[in-house]
Amino acid sequence: MPLDQIDHQIIRLLQEDGRTPYTEIAKQLKISEGTVRNRIARLTESQTIQIVALIDPYRLGFDAAAIIGVSVEPPRIEAAAEQIARFPEVSYLVLVSGMFDLIVEALCRDREHLATFLSQSLHQVPGVTSTQTFVILRTYKMAYGARPTIHSSSPIPPGSEV
């Protein structure tokens, strides 16, 4: 069933705050609470939306988050993606076009944990031919307006490069 304007408005409000009470959504959209409840039930049952908590990795002790580009032998991409998705460090995994086949977001406690993840997990996946790792130094924006911790032990002066 296609989404209408009311569905889109409900989704927008939930993206701002997934804990918004149905009564508040109904009031803002000038519809009944029952309508909101039924629409959210339909959207979740159809897997159009999921209401989840977004984390700030730094506040949970993950001081070595990284984005990793992964190149995989073409016939093994699906199998490699399935195996990589099972690693507990992996929070995000997508198939992409361009220089890499997969992009992985990994949340690691520290650089040693990241090094171990790369050498003993990711590089051991059959078909993985190379990786390029980008350690996340600072997060300025997270999904749907979540507020990240600006994490830095010393500010970077304007015009400086890391």
Protein backbone atom coordinates (compact mmCIF):
# COMPACT_ATOMS: atom_id res chain seq x y z
CA MET A 1 0.00 0.00 0.00
CA PRO A 2 1.55 3.35 -1.01
CA LEU A 3 2.28 5.96 1.63
CA ASP A 4 0.19 9.12 1.70
CA GLN A 5 0.89 12.58 3.11
CA ILE A 6 -0.29 11.62 6.61
CA ASP A 7 2.06 8.59 6.67
CA HIS A 8 4.96 10.85 5.65
CA GLN A 9 4.06 13.39 8.36
CA ILE A 10 3.89 10.64 11.02
CA ILE A 11 7.29 9.31 9.90
CA ARG A 12 8.80 12.82 10.02
CA LEU A 13 7.59 13.33 13.59
CA LEU A 14 8.89 9.92 14.68
CA GLN A 15 12.26 10.69 13.10
CA GLU A 16 12.49 13.80 15.25
CA ASP A 17 11.62 11.79 18.38
CA GLY A 18 10.61 8.13 18.22
CA ARG A 19 9.10 8.44 21.71
CA THR A 20 6.52 11.05 20.70
CA PRO A 21 3.19 9.94 22.18
CA TYR A 22 0.46 9.03 19.71
CA THR A 23 -1.74 11.67 21.34
CA GLU A 24 0.84 14.36 20.51
CA ILE A 25 1.19 13.17 16.91
CA ALA A 26 -2.60 13.14 16.54
CA LYS A 27 -2.84 16.67 17.95
CA GLN A 28 -0.14 18.03 15.64
CA LEU A 29 -1.64 16.41 12.54
CA LYS A 30 -5.27 17.07 13.55
CA ILE A 31 -6.25 13.40 13.27
CA SER A 32 -7.46 10.86 15.83
CA GLU A 33 -5.12 8.91 18.09
CA GLY A 34 -6.63 5.70 16.70
CA THR A 35 -5.64 6.75 13.18
CA VAL A 36 -2.07 7.36 14.36
CA ARG A 37 -1.96 4.02 16.19
CA ASN A 38 -3.31 2.10 13.18
CA ARG A 39 -0.97 3.78 10.72
CA ILE A 40 2.12 3.23 12.88
CA ALA A 41 1.09 -0.43 13.32
CA ARG A 42 0.75 -0.79 9.53
CA LEU A 43 4.08 0.94 8.91
CA THR A 44 5.92 -1.27 11.40
CA GLU A 45 4.23 -4.50 10.30
CA SER A 46 5.15 -3.79 6.67
CA GLN A 47 8.72 -3.02 7.83
CA THR A 48 8.48 0.44 6.31
CA ILE A 49 9.66 1.85 9.64
CA GLN A 50 11.40 0.59 12.75
CA ILE A 51 11.47 2.57 15.94
CA VAL A 52 14.91 2.10 17.51
CA ALA A 53 17.35 3.91 19.76
CA LEU A 54 20.33 5.55 18.09
CA ILE A 55 23.50 5.41 20.13
CA ASP A 56 26.40 7.78 20.41
CA PRO A 57 29.31 5.32 20.17
CA TYR A 58 31.67 7.53 22.20
CA ARG A 59 29.30 7.68 25.18
CA LEU A 60 29.19 3.88 25.18
CA GLY A 61 32.97 3.57 25.23
CA PHE A 62 33.65 2.96 21.54
CA ASP A 63 36.65 5.25 21.02
CA ALA A 64 37.75 3.69 17.71
CA ALA A 65 34.79 3.85 15.38
CA ALA A 66 35.74 3.49 11.72
CA ILE A 67 34.33 3.47 8.21
CA ILE A 68 35.94 0.74 6.13
CA GLY A 69 35.84 0.36 2.36
CA VAL A 70 36.04 -3.32 1.43
CA SER A 71 36.92 -4.83 -1.96
CA VAL A 72 35.66 -8.36 -2.58
CA GLU A 73 36.09 -10.85 -5.41
CA PRO A 74 32.86 -10.44 -7.44
CA PRO A 75 31.45 -13.96 -7.08
CA ARG A 76 31.85 -13.79 -3.29
CA ILE A 77 30.24 -10.42 -2.51
CA GLU A 78 26.95 -11.77 -1.13
CA ALA A 79 28.59 -14.47 0.98
CA ALA A 80 31.17 -12.00 2.29
CA ALA A 81 28.46 -9.47 3.15
CA GLU A 82 26.48 -12.11 5.05
CA GLN A 83 29.55 -13.07 7.09
CA ILE A 84 30.62 -9.47 7.75
CA ALA A 85 27.09 -8.56 8.89
CA ARG A 86 27.39 -11.14 11.70
CA PHE A 87 30.44 -9.51 13.30
CA PRO A 88 29.38 -7.75 16.52
CA GLU A 89 31.58 -4.73 15.72
CA VAL A 90 29.64 -4.02 12.50
CA SER A 91 26.87 -1.46 12.96
CA TYR A 92 26.27 -0.64 9.30
CA LEU A 93 26.99 -2.51 6.07
CA VAL A 94 26.04 -1.55 2.52
CA LEU A 95 26.80 -2.65 -1.02
CA VAL A 96 28.03 0.33 -3.03
CA SER A 97 29.25 1.26 -6.48
CA GLY A 98 32.62 2.85 -7.05
CA MET A 99 36.04 2.13 -5.63
CA PHE A 100 34.79 -0.42 -3.04
CA ASP A 101 32.18 -3.15 -3.06
CA LEU A 102 31.09 -2.78 0.56
CA ILE A 103 31.18 0.00 3.12
CA VAL A 104 31.33 -1.10 6.76
CA GLU A 105 30.92 0.97 9.89
CA ALA A 106 32.71 -0.73 12.79
CA LEU A 107 32.43 0.27 16.43
CA CYS A 108 35.54 -0.72 18.39
CA ARG A 109 36.56 0.05 21.98
CA ASP A 110 40.05 1.26 21.09
CA ARG A 111 42.68 1.09 18.36
CA GLU A 112 43.87 -2.34 19.50
CA HIS A 113 40.32 -3.68 19.19
CA LEU A 114 40.07 -2.11 15.71
CA ALA A 115 43.40 -3.68 14.65
CA THR A 116 42.25 -7.08 15.92
CA PHE A 117 38.89 -6.72 14.14
CA LEU A 118 40.62 -5.88 10.87
CA SER A 119 43.28 -8.61 10.98
CA GLN A 120 41.44 -11.46 12.69
CA SER A 121 37.89 -10.92 11.44
CA LEU A 122 37.44 -8.75 8.38
CA HIS A 123 40.61 -9.79 6.50
CA GLN A 124 39.80 -13.46 7.15
CA VAL A 125 36.51 -13.33 5.25
CA PRO A 126 36.83 -15.42 2.05
CA GLY A 127 36.87 -13.15 -1.00
CA VAL A 128 38.01 -9.97 0.76
CA THR A 129 40.94 -8.70 -1.29
CA SER A 130 41.61 -5.31 0.32
CA THR A 131 40.29 -2.74 2.75
CA GLN A 132 40.78 0.94 3.41
CA THR A 133 40.04 2.16 6.92
CA PHE A 134 38.93 5.65 7.88
CA VAL A 135 39.00 6.18 11.66
CA ILE A 136 36.22 8.53 12.73
CA LEU A 137 37.84 11.44 14.56
CA ARG A 138 34.73 13.52 15.23
CA THR A 139 31.03 13.19 14.42
CA TYR A 140 29.22 16.39 13.50
CA LYS A 141 25.86 14.99 12.46
CA MET A 142 24.07 11.72 13.09
CA ALA A 143 20.96 10.27 11.49
CA TYR A 144 17.66 12.09 11.91
CA GLY A 145 18.94 14.86 14.11
CA ALA A 146 20.45 12.71 16.86
CA ARG A 147 22.94 14.84 18.75
CA PRO A 148 26.47 13.41 18.82
CA THR A 149 29.00 14.05 21.54
CA ILE A 150 31.60 16.37 20.09
CA HIS A 151 34.51 14.21 21.20
CA SER A 152 37.98 15.65 21.19
CA SER A 153 40.74 15.84 23.77
CA SER A 154 42.11 18.98 22.17
CA PRO A 155 40.36 21.29 19.72
CA ILE A 156 41.69 21.43 16.17
CA PRO A 157 42.68 25.02 15.38
CA PRO A 158 40.98 26.52 12.32
CA GLY A 159 42.97 25.83 9.17
CA SER A 160 44.81 22.87 10.72
CA GLU A 161 44.66 19.41 9.23
CA VAL A 162 44.75 16.13 11.07
